[in-house]
Amino acid sequence: MKQPQDNDGKDPEDDHVIDGHDHDHDHEHHHDAPKGKGGPKKDHIPTEEELQKQITMLELARNRIEAFGREAEIIVSAIRDHSRAAETLDAIKVMSPKQPAEVLIPVGAGVFIFAKPASTNTVLMNIGNGVNAEFGIKEAIEKITANVKELKDKEKKVVTELQRLEDQAEALTRQAQGMYEQMQKAKK
């Protein structure tokens, strides 16, 4: 069985940053557990090297599980953040432009201040790479809603891959255990 390798030698976690790209390219760099009944052939006694390769593959699978788990957490946090922004803009949208109500504005470190929006019609919104543009509130809500949909689609893909990796790790664990048991029986 061939050991999976990253194509550029970097840490596999580096490839899982939320950057708007699908993670389908990762599928070609890892191998599923061997097909068949019970793993290694009954008449073949695994060597220490084969067992070590199996354990290394298991470790790589678990590292990928951790990376995808972290990515899922980041996506969930981004969905919450976007949803909160859309809710706030919905509330501002219905305010009277002449007498806007106070809103809580985050200033960082969990600290908020009360403020009245200068405008209930437009907002500044990041459009990428630190560039902000002015949008009408309705248009900003539409963009945020589209972002939430995109994030939820990405979350589904990450969760699906996470489940596949967990299944793979479980199979690799069973196979490594079987190999170890075969080796112990052969020593007796």
N, C-alpha and C. Protein backbone atom coordinates (compact mmCIF):
# COMPACT_ATOMS: atom_id res chain seq x y z
N MET A 1 0.84 -1.18 0.00
CA MET A 1 0.00 0.00 0.00
C MET A 1 0.88 1.24 0.00
N LYS A 2 0.55 2.17 -0.81
CA LYS A 2 1.34 3.38 -0.96
C LYS A 2 0.97 4.40 0.10
N GLN A 3 1.93 5.11 0.62
CA GLN A 3 1.72 6.11 1.65
C GLN A 3 1.28 7.43 1.01
N PRO A 4 0.19 8.07 1.52
CA PRO A 4 -0.24 9.34 0.93
C PRO A 4 0.77 10.44 1.19
N GLN A 5 0.91 11.32 0.22
CA GLN A 5 1.85 12.44 0.36
C GLN A 5 1.19 13.69 -0.16
N ASP A 6 1.53 14.81 0.44
CA ASP A 6 1.10 16.09 -0.11
C ASP A 6 1.97 16.39 -1.31
N ASN A 7 1.40 17.06 -2.31
CA ASN A 7 2.15 17.29 -3.54
C ASN A 7 3.24 18.34 -3.39
N ASP A 8 3.20 19.14 -2.34
CA ASP A 8 4.22 20.18 -2.24
C ASP A 8 5.04 20.10 -0.96
N GLY A 9 4.81 19.09 -0.14
CA GLY A 9 5.59 18.91 1.07
C GLY A 9 5.18 19.82 2.22
N LYS A 10 4.15 20.65 2.01
CA LYS A 10 3.69 21.53 3.08
C LYS A 10 2.80 20.76 4.02
N ASP A 11 2.54 21.35 5.15
CA ASP A 11 1.62 20.79 6.13
C ASP A 11 0.23 20.74 5.50
N PRO A 12 -0.49 19.60 5.57
CA PRO A 12 -1.79 19.49 4.94
C PRO A 12 -2.79 20.50 5.50
N GLU A 13 -2.57 20.98 6.70
CA GLU A 13 -3.48 21.96 7.27
C GLU A 13 -3.47 23.27 6.48
N ASP A 14 -2.35 23.59 5.84
CA ASP A 14 -2.23 24.83 5.10
C ASP A 14 -3.22 24.87 3.93
N ASP A 15 -3.61 23.69 3.42
CA ASP A 15 -4.50 23.62 2.27
C ASP A 15 -5.95 23.81 2.66
N HIS A 16 -6.26 23.93 3.94
CA HIS A 16 -7.64 23.94 4.36
C HIS A 16 -8.09 25.31 4.83
N VAL A 17 -7.40 26.35 4.44
CA VAL A 17 -7.78 27.70 4.82
C VAL A 17 -9.00 28.09 3.99
N ILE A 18 -9.93 28.79 4.61
CA ILE A 18 -11.12 29.21 3.90
C ILE A 18 -10.71 30.30 2.94
N ASP A 19 -10.69 29.96 1.66
CA ASP A 19 -10.24 30.92 0.68
C ASP A 19 -11.13 30.97 -0.54
N GLY A 20 -12.29 30.34 -0.43
CA GLY A 20 -13.21 30.37 -1.55
C GLY A 20 -12.97 29.26 -2.55
N HIS A 21 -12.00 28.40 -2.33
CA HIS A 21 -11.73 27.31 -3.25
C HIS A 21 -12.31 26.03 -2.69
N ASP A 22 -12.77 25.17 -3.58
CA ASP A 22 -13.22 23.85 -3.15
C ASP A 22 -12.03 23.05 -2.69
N HIS A 23 -12.29 22.06 -1.87
CA HIS A 23 -11.23 21.22 -1.37
C HIS A 23 -11.20 19.88 -2.10
N ASP A 24 -11.85 19.83 -3.28
CA ASP A 24 -11.90 18.59 -4.03
C ASP A 24 -10.51 18.14 -4.47
N HIS A 25 -9.57 19.06 -4.62
CA HIS A 25 -8.22 18.68 -5.03
C HIS A 25 -7.56 17.79 -4.01
N ASP A 26 -8.03 17.83 -2.76
CA ASP A 26 -7.44 16.99 -1.72
C ASP A 26 -7.74 15.52 -1.95
N HIS A 27 -8.83 15.21 -2.65
CA HIS A 27 -9.23 13.83 -2.81
C HIS A 27 -8.20 12.99 -3.57
N GLU A 28 -7.42 13.63 -4.42
CA GLU A 28 -6.48 12.85 -5.21
C GLU A 28 -5.19 12.55 -4.46
N HIS A 29 -5.03 13.02 -3.22
CA HIS A 29 -3.79 12.83 -2.50
C HIS A 29 -3.89 11.86 -1.34
N HIS A 30 -5.04 11.27 -1.14
CA HIS A 30 -5.13 10.29 -0.07
C HIS A 30 -5.79 9.04 -0.61
N HIS A 31 -5.50 7.96 0.03
CA HIS A 31 -5.97 6.68 -0.45
C HIS A 31 -6.91 6.08 0.56
N ASP A 32 -7.96 5.47 0.05
CA ASP A 32 -8.87 4.77 0.93
C ASP A 32 -8.22 3.49 1.40
N ALA A 33 -8.75 2.95 2.47
CA ALA A 33 -8.26 1.69 2.98
C ALA A 33 -8.45 0.62 1.91
N PRO A 34 -7.59 -0.38 1.90
CA PRO A 34 -7.69 -1.40 0.88
C PRO A 34 -9.05 -2.08 0.93
N LYS A 35 -9.55 -2.44 -0.24
CA LYS A 35 -10.82 -3.13 -0.34
C LYS A 35 -10.59 -4.62 -0.05
N GLY A 36 -11.64 -5.29 0.29
CA GLY A 36 -11.51 -6.71 0.54
C GLY A 36 -12.03 -7.05 1.90
N LYS A 37 -11.99 -8.34 2.21
CA LYS A 37 -12.53 -8.80 3.48
C LYS A 37 -11.41 -8.96 4.50
N GLY A 38 -11.42 -8.10 5.52
CA GLY A 38 -10.51 -8.27 6.64
C GLY A 38 -9.11 -7.77 6.44
N GLY A 39 -8.82 -7.03 5.40
CA GLY A 39 -7.49 -6.45 5.23
C GLY A 39 -6.49 -7.42 4.64
N PRO A 40 -5.32 -7.63 5.32
CA PRO A 40 -4.26 -8.43 4.74
C PRO A 40 -4.68 -9.88 4.54
N LYS A 41 -4.01 -10.54 3.59
CA LYS A 41 -4.30 -11.95 3.33
C LYS A 41 -3.96 -12.79 4.56
N LYS A 42 -4.72 -13.84 4.73
CA LYS A 42 -4.55 -14.69 5.92
C LYS A 42 -3.18 -15.37 5.94
N ASP A 43 -2.66 -15.75 4.78
CA ASP A 43 -1.39 -16.49 4.75
C ASP A 43 -0.18 -15.55 4.79
N HIS A 44 -0.39 -14.27 4.70
CA HIS A 44 0.71 -13.30 4.73
C HIS A 44 0.87 -12.76 6.15
N ILE A 45 2.06 -12.89 6.69
CA ILE A 45 2.36 -12.34 8.01
C ILE A 45 2.96 -10.95 7.78
N PRO A 46 2.30 -9.91 8.29
CA PRO A 46 2.82 -8.55 8.08
C PRO A 46 4.18 -8.35 8.75
N THR A 47 4.97 -7.50 8.15
CA THR A 47 6.28 -7.15 8.72
C THR A 47 6.12 -5.90 9.58
N GLU A 48 7.14 -5.64 10.39
CA GLU A 48 7.15 -4.41 11.20
C GLU A 48 7.02 -3.19 10.30
N GLU A 49 7.70 -3.22 9.15
CA GLU A 49 7.67 -2.09 8.23
C GLU A 49 6.26 -1.87 7.68
N GLU A 50 5.56 -2.95 7.34
CA GLU A 50 4.19 -2.82 6.84
C GLU A 50 3.27 -2.27 7.93
N LEU A 51 3.45 -2.74 9.14
CA LEU A 51 2.65 -2.23 10.26
C LEU A 51 2.95 -0.75 10.48
N GLN A 52 4.22 -0.37 10.42
CA GLN A 52 4.59 1.03 10.62
C GLN A 52 3.99 1.91 9.53
N LYS A 53 3.97 1.43 8.28
CA LYS A 53 3.35 2.19 7.19
C LYS A 53 1.86 2.38 7.46
N GLN A 54 1.21 1.33 7.95
CA GLN A 54 -0.22 1.41 8.27
C GLN A 54 -0.46 2.44 9.38
N ILE A 55 0.38 2.43 10.38
CA ILE A 55 0.25 3.37 11.49
C ILE A 55 0.50 4.81 11.01
N THR A 56 1.46 4.98 10.11
CA THR A 56 1.74 6.30 9.54
C THR A 56 0.53 6.80 8.75
N MET A 57 -0.07 5.92 7.98
CA MET A 57 -1.27 6.30 7.21
C MET A 57 -2.40 6.71 8.16
N LEU A 58 -2.53 5.98 9.26
CA LEU A 58 -3.55 6.30 10.26
C LEU A 58 -3.28 7.67 10.88
N GLU A 59 -2.04 7.94 11.17
CA GLU A 59 -1.67 9.24 11.75
C GLU A 59 -1.97 10.38 10.77
N LEU A 60 -1.68 10.16 9.48
CA LEU A 60 -1.99 11.18 8.47
C LEU A 60 -3.49 11.41 8.38
N ALA A 61 -4.26 10.33 8.42
CA ALA A 61 -5.72 10.46 8.36
C ALA A 61 -6.23 11.25 9.58
N ARG A 62 -5.69 10.97 10.74
CA ARG A 62 -6.12 11.69 11.95
C ARG A 62 -5.73 13.17 11.89
N ASN A 63 -4.56 13.47 11.33
CA ASN A 63 -4.15 14.87 11.16
C ASN A 63 -5.12 15.61 10.24
N ARG A 64 -5.52 14.93 9.17
CA ARG A 64 -6.47 15.54 8.23
C ARG A 64 -7.83 15.74 8.91
N ILE A 65 -8.23 14.79 9.76
CA ILE A 65 -9.49 14.93 10.49
C ILE A 65 -9.43 16.18 11.36
N GLU A 66 -8.33 16.38 12.05
CA GLU A 66 -8.17 17.58 12.88
C GLU A 66 -8.26 18.85 12.04
N ALA A 67 -7.60 18.84 10.89
CA ALA A 67 -7.60 20.03 10.03
C ALA A 67 -9.01 20.33 9.53
N PHE A 68 -9.72 19.30 9.09
CA PHE A 68 -11.09 19.52 8.60
C PHE A 68 -12.01 19.92 9.75
N GLY A 69 -11.76 19.41 10.95
CA GLY A 69 -12.54 19.81 12.12
C GLY A 69 -12.36 21.30 12.41
N ARG A 70 -11.13 21.76 12.34
CA ARG A 70 -10.86 23.19 12.56
C ARG A 70 -11.52 24.04 11.47
N GLU A 71 -11.45 23.55 10.23
CA GLU A 71 -12.06 24.29 9.14
C GLU A 71 -13.58 24.37 9.33
N ALA A 72 -14.18 23.29 9.78
CA ALA A 72 -15.63 23.30 10.04
C ALA A 72 -15.97 24.33 11.11
N GLU A 73 -15.16 24.41 12.15
CA GLU A 73 -15.39 25.40 13.22
C GLU A 73 -15.31 26.82 12.67
N ILE A 74 -14.34 27.08 11.82
CA ILE A 74 -14.18 28.41 11.22
C ILE A 74 -15.40 28.76 10.37
N ILE A 75 -15.89 27.79 9.60
CA ILE A 75 -17.05 28.03 8.75
C ILE A 75 -18.28 28.33 9.60
N VAL A 76 -18.50 27.54 10.65
CA VAL A 76 -19.65 27.75 11.54
C VAL A 76 -19.57 29.14 12.16
N SER A 77 -18.40 29.55 12.58
CA SER A 77 -18.22 30.88 13.16
C SER A 77 -18.54 31.96 12.13
N ALA A 78 -18.09 31.78 10.89
CA ALA A 78 -18.36 32.76 9.83
C ALA A 78 -19.86 32.82 9.53
N ILE A 79 -20.54 31.67 9.55
CA ILE A 79 -21.99 31.66 9.32
C ILE A 79 -22.70 32.46 10.41
N ARG A 80 -22.30 32.24 11.67
CA ARG A 80 -22.90 32.99 12.79
C ARG A 80 -22.67 34.49 12.62
N ASP A 81 -21.44 34.86 12.26
CA ASP A 81 -21.09 36.27 12.09
C ASP A 81 -21.92 36.92 10.98
N HIS A 82 -22.02 36.24 9.86
CA HIS A 82 -22.81 36.76 8.73
C HIS A 82 -24.29 36.88 9.11
N SER A 83 -24.80 35.86 9.78
CA SER A 83 -26.22 35.88 10.17
C SER A 83 -26.50 37.02 11.12
N ARG A 84 -25.60 37.25 12.06
CA ARG A 84 -25.76 38.36 13.02
C ARG A 84 -25.74 39.70 12.27
N ALA A 85 -24.87 39.84 11.29
CA ALA A 85 -24.80 41.09 10.51
C ALA A 85 -26.10 41.30 9.75
N ALA A 86 -26.64 40.24 9.13
CA ALA A 86 -27.89 40.38 8.38
C ALA A 86 -29.04 40.77 9.31
N GLU A 87 -29.09 40.18 10.51
CA GLU A 87 -30.14 40.53 11.48
C GLU A 87 -30.04 42.00 11.89
N THR A 88 -28.83 42.46 12.13
CA THR A 88 -28.62 43.85 12.53
C THR A 88 -29.04 44.80 11.41
N LEU A 89 -28.66 44.46 10.19
CA LEU A 89 -29.04 45.32 9.06
C LEU A 89 -30.55 45.32 8.85
N ASP A 90 -31.19 44.17 9.07
CA ASP A 90 -32.66 44.12 8.98
C ASP A 90 -33.29 45.08 9.97
N ALA A 91 -32.74 45.11 11.20
CA ALA A 91 -33.27 46.01 12.23
C ALA A 91 -33.02 47.47 11.86
N ILE A 92 -31.87 47.78 11.31
CA ILE A 92 -31.55 49.16 10.93
C ILE A 92 -32.41 49.60 9.74
N LYS A 93 -32.69 48.67 8.84
CA LYS A 93 -33.47 48.97 7.63
C LYS A 93 -34.85 49.53 7.97
N VAL A 94 -35.45 49.09 9.08
CA VAL A 94 -36.80 49.54 9.43
C VAL A 94 -36.81 50.77 10.34
N MET A 95 -35.64 51.25 10.71
CA MET A 95 -35.56 52.44 11.57
C MET A 95 -35.96 53.69 10.79
N SER A 96 -36.46 54.66 11.52
CA SER A 96 -36.76 55.95 10.92
C SER A 96 -35.44 56.67 10.65
N PRO A 97 -35.23 57.15 9.42
CA PRO A 97 -33.98 57.86 9.12
C PRO A 97 -33.80 59.12 9.97
N LYS A 98 -34.92 59.73 10.40
CA LYS A 98 -34.82 60.96 11.18
C LYS A 98 -34.57 60.68 12.66
N GLN A 99 -35.05 59.56 13.16
CA GLN A 99 -34.89 59.22 14.57
C GLN A 99 -34.39 57.78 14.71
N PRO A 100 -33.17 57.47 14.26
CA PRO A 100 -32.69 56.09 14.38
C PRO A 100 -32.48 55.70 15.84
N ALA A 101 -32.75 54.46 16.14
CA ALA A 101 -32.54 53.95 17.49
C ALA A 101 -31.05 53.66 17.70
N GLU A 102 -30.67 53.51 18.97
CA GLU A 102 -29.28 53.16 19.27
C GLU A 102 -29.04 51.69 18.95
N VAL A 103 -27.87 51.44 18.48
CA VAL A 103 -27.44 50.06 18.24
C VAL A 103 -26.13 49.83 18.97
N LEU A 104 -25.81 48.58 19.23
CA LEU A 104 -24.53 48.24 19.85
C LEU A 104 -23.51 48.02 18.75
N ILE A 105 -22.40 48.70 18.86
CA ILE A 105 -21.32 48.59 17.87
C ILE A 105 -20.13 47.90 18.54
N PRO A 106 -19.68 46.77 18.00
CA PRO A 106 -18.51 46.12 18.60
C PRO A 106 -17.24 46.92 18.32
N VAL A 107 -16.42 47.09 19.35
CA VAL A 107 -15.15 47.80 19.18
C VAL A 107 -13.97 46.86 19.41
N GLY A 108 -14.25 45.60 19.69
CA GLY A 108 -13.19 44.60 19.87
C GLY A 108 -13.12 44.12 21.30
N ALA A 109 -12.53 42.96 21.49
CA ALA A 109 -12.32 42.35 22.81
C ALA A 109 -13.63 42.18 23.59
N GLY A 110 -14.73 41.96 22.85
CA GLY A 110 -16.01 41.76 23.51
C GLY A 110 -16.62 43.03 24.08
N VAL A 111 -16.14 44.19 23.64
CA VAL A 111 -16.64 45.47 24.13
C VAL A 111 -17.52 46.10 23.05
N PHE A 112 -18.67 46.66 23.49
CA PHE A 112 -19.61 47.30 22.57
C PHE A 112 -19.90 48.71 23.07
N ILE A 113 -20.24 49.60 22.12
CA ILE A 113 -20.67 50.94 22.50
C ILE A 113 -22.06 51.18 21.90
N PHE A 114 -22.84 52.05 22.54
CA PHE A 114 -24.13 52.44 22.00
C PHE A 114 -23.90 53.57 21.01
N ALA A 115 -24.56 53.49 19.87
CA ALA A 115 -24.42 54.54 18.86
C ALA A 115 -25.67 54.57 18.00
N LYS A 116 -25.91 55.74 17.41
CA LYS A 116 -27.01 55.87 16.46
C LYS A 116 -26.38 55.92 15.07
N PRO A 117 -26.87 55.08 14.15
CA PRO A 117 -26.28 55.10 12.81
C PRO A 117 -26.52 56.44 12.11
N ALA A 118 -25.49 56.94 11.45
CA ALA A 118 -25.61 58.20 10.72
C ALA A 118 -26.51 58.03 9.51
N SER A 119 -26.57 56.80 9.00
CA SER A 119 -27.42 56.51 7.85
C SER A 119 -28.12 55.18 8.08
N THR A 120 -29.39 55.14 7.73
CA THR A 120 -30.13 53.87 7.79
C THR A 120 -30.38 53.34 6.39
N ASN A 121 -29.72 53.96 5.41
CA ASN A 121 -29.92 53.58 4.01
C ASN A 121 -28.72 52.86 3.40
N THR A 122 -27.51 53.21 3.86
CA THR A 122 -26.32 52.63 3.25
C THR A 122 -25.35 52.13 4.33
N VAL A 123 -24.50 51.21 3.90
CA VAL A 123 -23.46 50.67 4.78
C VAL A 123 -22.17 50.53 3.98
N LEU A 124 -21.06 50.46 4.69
CA LEU A 124 -19.78 50.11 4.07
C LEU A 124 -19.59 48.61 4.26
N MET A 125 -19.16 47.96 3.22
CA MET A 125 -19.02 46.51 3.27
C MET A 125 -17.70 46.11 2.61
N ASN A 126 -16.98 45.20 3.26
CA ASN A 126 -15.72 44.70 2.72
C ASN A 126 -16.02 43.85 1.49
N ILE A 127 -15.36 44.18 0.38
CA ILE A 127 -15.57 43.41 -0.85
C ILE A 127 -14.34 42.56 -1.18
N GLY A 128 -13.39 42.51 -0.25
CA GLY A 128 -12.22 41.66 -0.44
C GLY A 128 -10.93 42.43 -0.31
N ASN A 129 -9.92 41.79 0.25
CA ASN A 129 -8.59 42.36 0.40
C ASN A 129 -8.59 43.72 1.10
N GLY A 130 -9.48 43.88 2.07
CA GLY A 130 -9.52 45.12 2.84
C GLY A 130 -10.12 46.29 2.11
N VAL A 131 -10.74 46.06 0.96
CA VAL A 131 -11.38 47.13 0.19
C VAL A 131 -12.85 47.19 0.60
N ASN A 132 -13.31 48.38 0.97
CA ASN A 132 -14.70 48.58 1.36
C ASN A 132 -15.43 49.37 0.28
N ALA A 133 -16.71 49.05 0.14
CA ALA A 133 -17.54 49.77 -0.82
C ALA A 133 -18.88 50.07 -0.16
N GLU A 134 -19.53 51.11 -0.62
CA GLU A 134 -20.82 51.52 -0.07
C GLU A 134 -21.93 50.77 -0.81
N PHE A 135 -22.85 50.22 -0.02
CA PHE A 135 -24.01 49.51 -0.58
C PHE A 135 -25.26 49.97 0.14
N GLY A 136 -26.38 49.88 -0.57
CA GLY A 136 -27.66 50.08 0.09
C GLY A 136 -27.87 48.90 1.04
N ILE A 137 -28.61 49.13 2.12
CA ILE A 137 -28.79 48.09 3.13
C ILE A 137 -29.42 46.84 2.51
N LYS A 138 -30.42 47.02 1.66
CA LYS A 138 -31.09 45.86 1.05
C LYS A 138 -30.08 45.03 0.24
N GLU A 139 -29.26 45.70 -0.55
CA GLU A 139 -28.25 45.01 -1.36
C GLU A 139 -27.21 44.31 -0.47
N ALA A 140 -26.82 44.97 0.63
CA ALA A 140 -25.85 44.38 1.56
C ALA A 140 -26.43 43.11 2.18
N ILE A 141 -27.71 43.15 2.56
CA ILE A 141 -28.36 41.97 3.13
C ILE A 141 -28.39 40.83 2.11
N GLU A 142 -28.68 41.16 0.87
CA GLU A 142 -28.70 40.14 -0.20
C GLU A 142 -27.31 39.50 -0.36
N LYS A 143 -26.27 40.34 -0.34
CA LYS A 143 -24.91 39.82 -0.48
C LYS A 143 -24.55 38.93 0.72
N ILE A 144 -24.91 39.37 1.91
CA ILE A 144 -24.62 38.58 3.11
C ILE A 144 -25.37 37.25 3.05
N THR A 145 -26.64 37.29 2.64
CA THR A 145 -27.44 36.07 2.53
C THR A 145 -26.81 35.10 1.53
N ALA A 146 -26.32 35.63 0.41
CA ALA A 146 -25.65 34.78 -0.58
C ALA A 146 -24.37 34.18 0.01
N ASN A 147 -23.64 34.98 0.79
CA ASN A 147 -22.43 34.48 1.44
C ASN A 147 -22.75 33.35 2.42
N VAL A 148 -23.85 33.51 3.17
CA VAL A 148 -24.25 32.47 4.13
C VAL A 148 -24.57 31.18 3.38
N LYS A 149 -25.28 31.28 2.26
CA LYS A 149 -25.60 30.09 1.47
C LYS A 149 -24.33 29.40 0.99
N GLU A 150 -23.39 30.20 0.50
CA GLU A 150 -22.11 29.66 0.02
C GLU A 150 -21.35 28.98 1.18
N LEU A 151 -21.35 29.62 2.34
CA LEU A 151 -20.67 29.04 3.50
C LEU A 151 -21.33 27.73 3.93
N LYS A 152 -22.65 27.68 3.89
CA LYS A 152 -23.36 26.45 4.27
C LYS A 152 -23.06 25.33 3.28
N ASP A 153 -22.95 25.66 1.99
CA ASP A 153 -22.57 24.65 0.99
C ASP A 153 -21.16 24.14 1.28
N LYS A 154 -20.26 25.05 1.61
CA LYS A 154 -18.89 24.67 1.93
C LYS A 154 -18.86 23.80 3.18
N GLU A 155 -19.67 24.17 4.17
CA GLU A 155 -19.74 23.38 5.41
C GLU A 155 -20.18 21.95 5.11
N LYS A 156 -21.18 21.79 4.23
CA LYS A 156 -21.64 20.44 3.86
C LYS A 156 -20.50 19.62 3.27
N LYS A 157 -19.73 20.23 2.38
CA LYS A 157 -18.61 19.52 1.75
C LYS A 157 -17.56 19.12 2.79
N VAL A 158 -17.27 20.04 3.71
CA VAL A 158 -16.27 19.75 4.74
C VAL A 158 -16.76 18.63 5.65
N VAL A 159 -18.03 18.68 6.04
CA VAL A 159 -18.58 17.64 6.92
C VAL A 159 -18.58 16.29 6.21
N THR A 160 -18.91 16.26 4.92
CA THR A 160 -18.88 15.02 4.15
C THR A 160 -17.47 14.45 4.10
N GLU A 161 -16.50 15.30 3.83
CA GLU A 161 -15.10 14.85 3.78
C GLU A 161 -14.63 14.40 5.15
N LEU A 162 -15.05 15.09 6.18
CA LEU A 162 -14.70 14.72 7.55
C LEU A 162 -15.23 13.33 7.88
N GLN A 163 -16.46 13.05 7.49
CA GLN A 163 -17.04 11.73 7.73
C GLN A 163 -16.27 10.66 6.96
N ARG A 164 -15.91 10.96 5.70
CA ARG A 164 -15.16 10.00 4.89
C ARG A 164 -13.82 9.70 5.54
N LEU A 165 -13.16 10.76 6.03
CA LEU A 165 -11.86 10.57 6.68
C LEU A 165 -11.99 9.78 7.98
N GLU A 166 -13.05 10.02 8.73
CA GLU A 166 -13.27 9.26 9.97
C GLU A 166 -13.50 7.78 9.66
N ASP A 167 -14.27 7.51 8.60
CA ASP A 167 -14.49 6.12 8.19
C ASP A 167 -13.17 5.47 7.77
N GLN A 168 -12.35 6.24 7.03
CA GLN A 168 -11.06 5.73 6.59
C GLN A 168 -10.16 5.44 7.80
N ALA A 169 -10.14 6.35 8.77
CA ALA A 169 -9.31 6.15 9.96
C ALA A 169 -9.77 4.92 10.74
N GLU A 170 -11.06 4.72 10.81
CA GLU A 170 -11.60 3.54 11.51
C GLU A 170 -11.15 2.26 10.81
N ALA A 171 -11.21 2.24 9.48
CA ALA A 171 -10.78 1.07 8.72
C ALA A 171 -9.27 0.85 8.89
N LEU A 172 -8.50 1.91 8.85
CA LEU A 172 -7.05 1.79 9.03
C LEU A 172 -6.71 1.27 10.43
N THR A 173 -7.47 1.71 11.43
CA THR A 173 -7.25 1.25 12.80
C THR A 173 -7.52 -0.26 12.89
N ARG A 174 -8.64 -0.70 12.32
CA ARG A 174 -8.96 -2.14 12.35
C ARG A 174 -7.87 -2.95 11.64
N GLN A 175 -7.41 -2.44 10.50
CA GLN A 175 -6.38 -3.15 9.74
C GLN A 175 -5.07 -3.21 10.52
N ALA A 176 -4.67 -2.11 11.13
CA ALA A 176 -3.43 -2.10 11.91
C ALA A 176 -3.55 -3.07 13.08
N GLN A 177 -4.70 -3.08 13.74
CA GLN A 177 -4.91 -4.01 14.85
C GLN A 177 -4.82 -5.45 14.37
N GLY A 178 -5.44 -5.74 13.22
CA GLY A 178 -5.37 -7.08 12.65
C GLY A 178 -3.95 -7.48 12.30
N MET A 179 -3.20 -6.55 11.73
CA MET A 179 -1.81 -6.83 11.38
C MET A 179 -0.99 -7.15 12.63
N TYR A 180 -1.21 -6.36 13.67
CA TYR A 180 -0.47 -6.56 14.92
C TYR A 180 -0.80 -7.94 15.51
N GLU A 181 -2.08 -8.28 15.51
CA GLU A 181 -2.49 -9.58 16.05
C GLU A 181 -1.88 -10.73 15.25
N GLN A 182 -1.85 -10.60 13.93
CA GLN A 182 -1.21 -11.63 13.09
C GLN A 182 0.27 -11.77 13.44
N MET A 183 0.93 -10.65 13.65
CA MET A 183 2.35 -10.68 13.97
C MET A 183 2.57 -11.35 15.31
N GLN A 184 1.69 -11.08 16.28
CA GLN A 184 1.84 -11.70 17.61
C GLN A 184 1.61 -13.20 17.54
N LYS A 185 0.61 -13.63 16.75
CA LYS A 185 0.34 -15.07 16.62
C LYS A 185 1.53 -15.77 15.95
N ALA A 186 2.15 -15.11 14.99
CA ALA A 186 3.27 -15.72 14.26
C ALA A 186 4.48 -15.88 15.17
N LYS A 187 4.61 -15.03 16.19
CA LYS A 187 5.75 -15.12 17.11
C LYS A 187 5.62 -16.28 18.06
N LYS A 188 4.39 -16.76 18.30
CA LYS A 188 4.16 -17.85 19.26
C LYS A 188 4.56 -19.19 18.75
